[in-house]
Amino acid sequence: MIQSFCATDASPASSSPQVIVDTPHPYPVASIPEPTPLRHLLIGTPEVVQHTIHRLHNLHYVEIGFWSPAITPLNAQLIVPLNPNEIMRILVRSLRVIG
């Protein structure tokens, strides 16, 4: 289940923008801008990537199941320099920035 949260600065007088993690809304909200995708890439050994995914889950940033399966270097059109023992996993989150 995706939960929404709002990340704001500790001081109420701050002019920093608010970031809202996108979740489905039961009704349209006209005052909130369209979501913007943010892509996270983790590249490293399978153990380090998995450890980082679990760490981000423990910090309540994202659930483990939202990450892609492991992507190993093959003859593909995407060229990312990976060492032979490394993998890549991708997460796409939608964020709405207000302010």
C-alpha atoms as a PDB file:
ATOM      1  CA  MET A   1       0.000   0.000   0.000  1.00  0.00           C
ATOM      2  CA  ILE A   2       1.295   3.450  -0.854  1.00  0.00           C
ATOM      3  CA  GLN A   3       1.053   6.050   1.847  1.00  0.00           C
ATOM      4  CA  SER A   4       1.285   9.739   1.213  1.00  0.00           C
ATOM      5  CA  PHE A   5       3.401  12.053   3.275  1.00  0.00           C
ATOM      6  CA  CYS A   6       4.473  15.653   3.116  1.00  0.00           C
ATOM      7  CA  ALA A   7       8.121  16.573   3.634  1.00  0.00           C
ATOM      8  CA  THR A   8       8.462  20.093   4.960  1.00  0.00           C
ATOM      9  CA  ASP A   9      11.125  22.115   6.723  1.00  0.00           C
ATOM     10  CA  ALA A  10      10.949  22.189  10.526  1.00  0.00           C
ATOM     11  CA  SER A  11      10.374  25.942  10.685  1.00  0.00           C
ATOM     12  CA  PRO A  12       6.883  27.116   9.662  1.00  0.00           C
ATOM     13  CA  ALA A  13       8.256  30.400   8.237  1.00  0.00           C
ATOM     14  CA  SER A  14      10.456  28.578   5.709  1.00  0.00           C
ATOM     15  CA  SER A  15       9.854  29.197   2.013  1.00  0.00           C
ATOM     16  CA  SER A  16      11.072  25.721   0.991  1.00  0.00           C
ATOM     17  CA  PRO A  17       8.759  23.864  -1.390  1.00  0.00           C
ATOM     18  CA  GLN A  18       6.695  21.007  -0.077  1.00  0.00           C
ATOM     19  CA  VAL A  19       7.066  17.577  -1.655  1.00  0.00           C
ATOM     20  CA  ILE A  20       4.083  15.262  -1.593  1.00  0.00           C
ATOM     21  CA  VAL A  21       4.437  11.598  -2.550  1.00  0.00           C
ATOM     22  CA  ASP A  22       1.755  10.823  -5.096  1.00  0.00           C
ATOM     23  CA  THR A  23      -1.012   8.447  -4.096  1.00  0.00           C
ATOM     24  CA  PRO A  24      -4.326   7.745  -5.773  1.00  0.00           C
ATOM     25  CA  HIS A  25      -7.023  10.188  -4.677  1.00  0.00           C
ATOM     26  CA  PRO A  26     -10.709   9.223  -4.502  1.00  0.00           C
ATOM     27  CA  TYR A  27     -11.632  12.606  -5.970  1.00  0.00           C
ATOM     28  CA  PRO A  28      -9.786  15.153  -8.132  1.00  0.00           C
ATOM     29  CA  VAL A  29      -7.859  17.820  -6.269  1.00  0.00           C
ATOM     30  CA  ALA A  30      -7.632  20.978  -8.408  1.00  0.00           C
ATOM     31  CA  SER A  31      -5.110  22.834  -6.247  1.00  0.00           C
ATOM     32  CA  ILE A  32      -2.393  20.149  -6.383  1.00  0.00           C
ATOM     33  CA  PRO A  33      -0.101  20.186  -9.478  1.00  0.00           C
ATOM     34  CA  GLU A  34       0.467  17.179 -11.700  1.00  0.00           C
ATOM     35  CA  PRO A  35       2.950  14.575 -10.407  1.00  0.00           C
ATOM     36  CA  THR A  36       6.511  14.523 -11.687  1.00  0.00           C
ATOM     37  CA  PRO A  37       8.284  11.167 -12.009  1.00  0.00           C
ATOM     38  CA  LEU A  38      11.558  10.699 -10.151  1.00  0.00           C
ATOM     39  CA  ARG A  39      13.710   7.699 -11.087  1.00  0.00           C
ATOM     40  CA  HIS A  40      16.105   6.090  -8.645  1.00  0.00           C
ATOM     41  CA  LEU A  41      18.850   3.771  -9.877  1.00  0.00           C
ATOM     42  CA  LEU A  42      20.780   1.465  -7.595  1.00  0.00           C
ATOM     43  CA  ILE A  43      23.880  -0.052  -9.151  1.00  0.00           C
ATOM     44  CA  GLY A  44      26.180  -2.387  -7.248  1.00  0.00           C
ATOM     45  CA  THR A  45      26.656  -5.964  -6.165  1.00  0.00           C
ATOM     46  CA  PRO A  46      23.408  -7.840  -5.497  1.00  0.00           C
ATOM     47  CA  GLU A  47      24.098  -7.885  -1.760  1.00  0.00           C
ATOM     48  CA  VAL A  48      24.720  -4.127  -1.521  1.00  0.00           C
ATOM     49  CA  VAL A  49      21.720  -3.255  -3.704  1.00  0.00           C
ATOM     50  CA  GLN A  50      19.433  -5.514  -1.659  1.00  0.00           C
ATOM     51  CA  HIS A  51      20.798  -4.078   1.599  1.00  0.00           C
ATOM     52  CA  THR A  52      20.104  -0.530   0.365  1.00  0.00           C
ATOM     53  CA  ILE A  53      16.557  -1.444  -0.704  1.00  0.00           C
ATOM     54  CA  HIS A  54      15.886  -2.910   2.752  1.00  0.00           C
ATOM     55  CA  ARG A  55      17.415   0.179   4.402  1.00  0.00           C
ATOM     56  CA  LEU A  56      15.152   2.528   2.402  1.00  0.00           C
ATOM     57  CA  HIS A  57      12.198   0.330   3.387  1.00  0.00           C
ATOM     58  CA  ASN A  58      13.165   0.489   7.073  1.00  0.00           C
ATOM     59  CA  LEU A  59      13.348   4.296   6.764  1.00  0.00           C
ATOM     60  CA  HIS A  60       9.745   4.215   5.428  1.00  0.00           C
ATOM     61  CA  TYR A  61      10.856   5.720   2.099  1.00  0.00           C
ATOM     62  CA  VAL A  62       9.516   2.992  -0.181  1.00  0.00           C
ATOM     63  CA  GLU A  63       8.209  -0.554   0.049  1.00  0.00           C
ATOM     64  CA  ILE A  64      10.468  -3.308  -1.264  1.00  0.00           C
ATOM     65  CA  GLY A  65       7.969  -4.516  -3.869  1.00  0.00           C
ATOM     66  CA  PHE A  66       8.040  -1.222  -5.781  1.00  0.00           C
ATOM     67  CA  TRP A  67      11.609  -1.825  -7.009  1.00  0.00           C
ATOM     68  CA  SER A  68      12.151  -3.519 -10.362  1.00  0.00           C
ATOM     69  CA  PRO A  69      13.601  -7.014 -10.536  1.00  0.00           C
ATOM     70  CA  ALA A  70      17.378  -7.201 -10.865  1.00  0.00           C
ATOM     71  CA  ILE A  71      18.634  -6.032 -14.246  1.00  0.00           C
ATOM     72  CA  THR A  72      21.869  -7.689 -15.302  1.00  0.00           C
ATOM     73  CA  PRO A  73      24.109  -6.390 -18.087  1.00  0.00           C
ATOM     74  CA  LEU A  74      23.010  -7.913 -21.393  1.00  0.00           C
ATOM     75  CA  ASN A  75      23.185  -6.834 -25.018  1.00  0.00           C
ATOM     76  CA  ALA A  76      20.533  -4.131 -24.669  1.00  0.00           C
ATOM     77  CA  GLN A  77      20.130  -0.639 -26.074  1.00  0.00           C
ATOM     78  CA  LEU A  78      20.601   0.948 -22.642  1.00  0.00           C
ATOM     79  CA  ILE A  79      24.291   1.463 -22.040  1.00  0.00           C
ATOM     80  CA  VAL A  80      25.192   1.762 -18.362  1.00  0.00           C
ATOM     81  CA  PRO A  81      28.725   0.935 -17.268  1.00  0.00           C
ATOM     82  CA  LEU A  82      28.366  -2.005 -14.883  1.00  0.00           C
ATOM     83  CA  ASN A  83      31.063  -4.258 -13.599  1.00  0.00           C
ATOM     84  CA  PRO A  84      30.557  -7.984 -14.346  1.00  0.00           C
ATOM     85  CA  ASN A  85      29.391  -8.755 -10.791  1.00  0.00           C
ATOM     86  CA  GLU A  86      26.971  -5.796 -10.513  1.00  0.00           C
ATOM     87  CA  ILE A  87      23.236  -5.464 -11.084  1.00  0.00           C
ATOM     88  CA  MET A  88      20.879  -2.515 -11.442  1.00  0.00           C
ATOM     89  CA  ARG A  89      17.424  -1.964  -9.951  1.00  0.00           C
ATOM     90  CA  ILE A  90      15.077   0.906 -10.715  1.00  0.00           C
ATOM     91  CA  LEU A  91      12.354   2.664  -8.718  1.00  0.00           C
ATOM     92  CA  VAL A  92      10.036   5.295 -10.161  1.00  0.00           C
ATOM     93  CA  ARG A  93       8.091   7.488  -7.742  1.00  0.00           C
ATOM     94  CA  SER A  94       5.721  10.299  -8.580  1.00  0.00           C
ATOM     95  CA  LEU A  95       6.130  13.466  -6.564  1.00  0.00           C
ATOM     96  CA  ARG A  96       4.131  16.679  -6.502  1.00  0.00           C
ATOM     97  CA  VAL A  97       6.069  19.827  -5.621  1.00  0.00           C
ATOM     98  CA  ILE A  98       4.032  22.660  -4.127  1.00  0.00           C
ATOM     99  CA  GLY A  99       5.431  26.127  -3.603  1.00  0.00           C
END
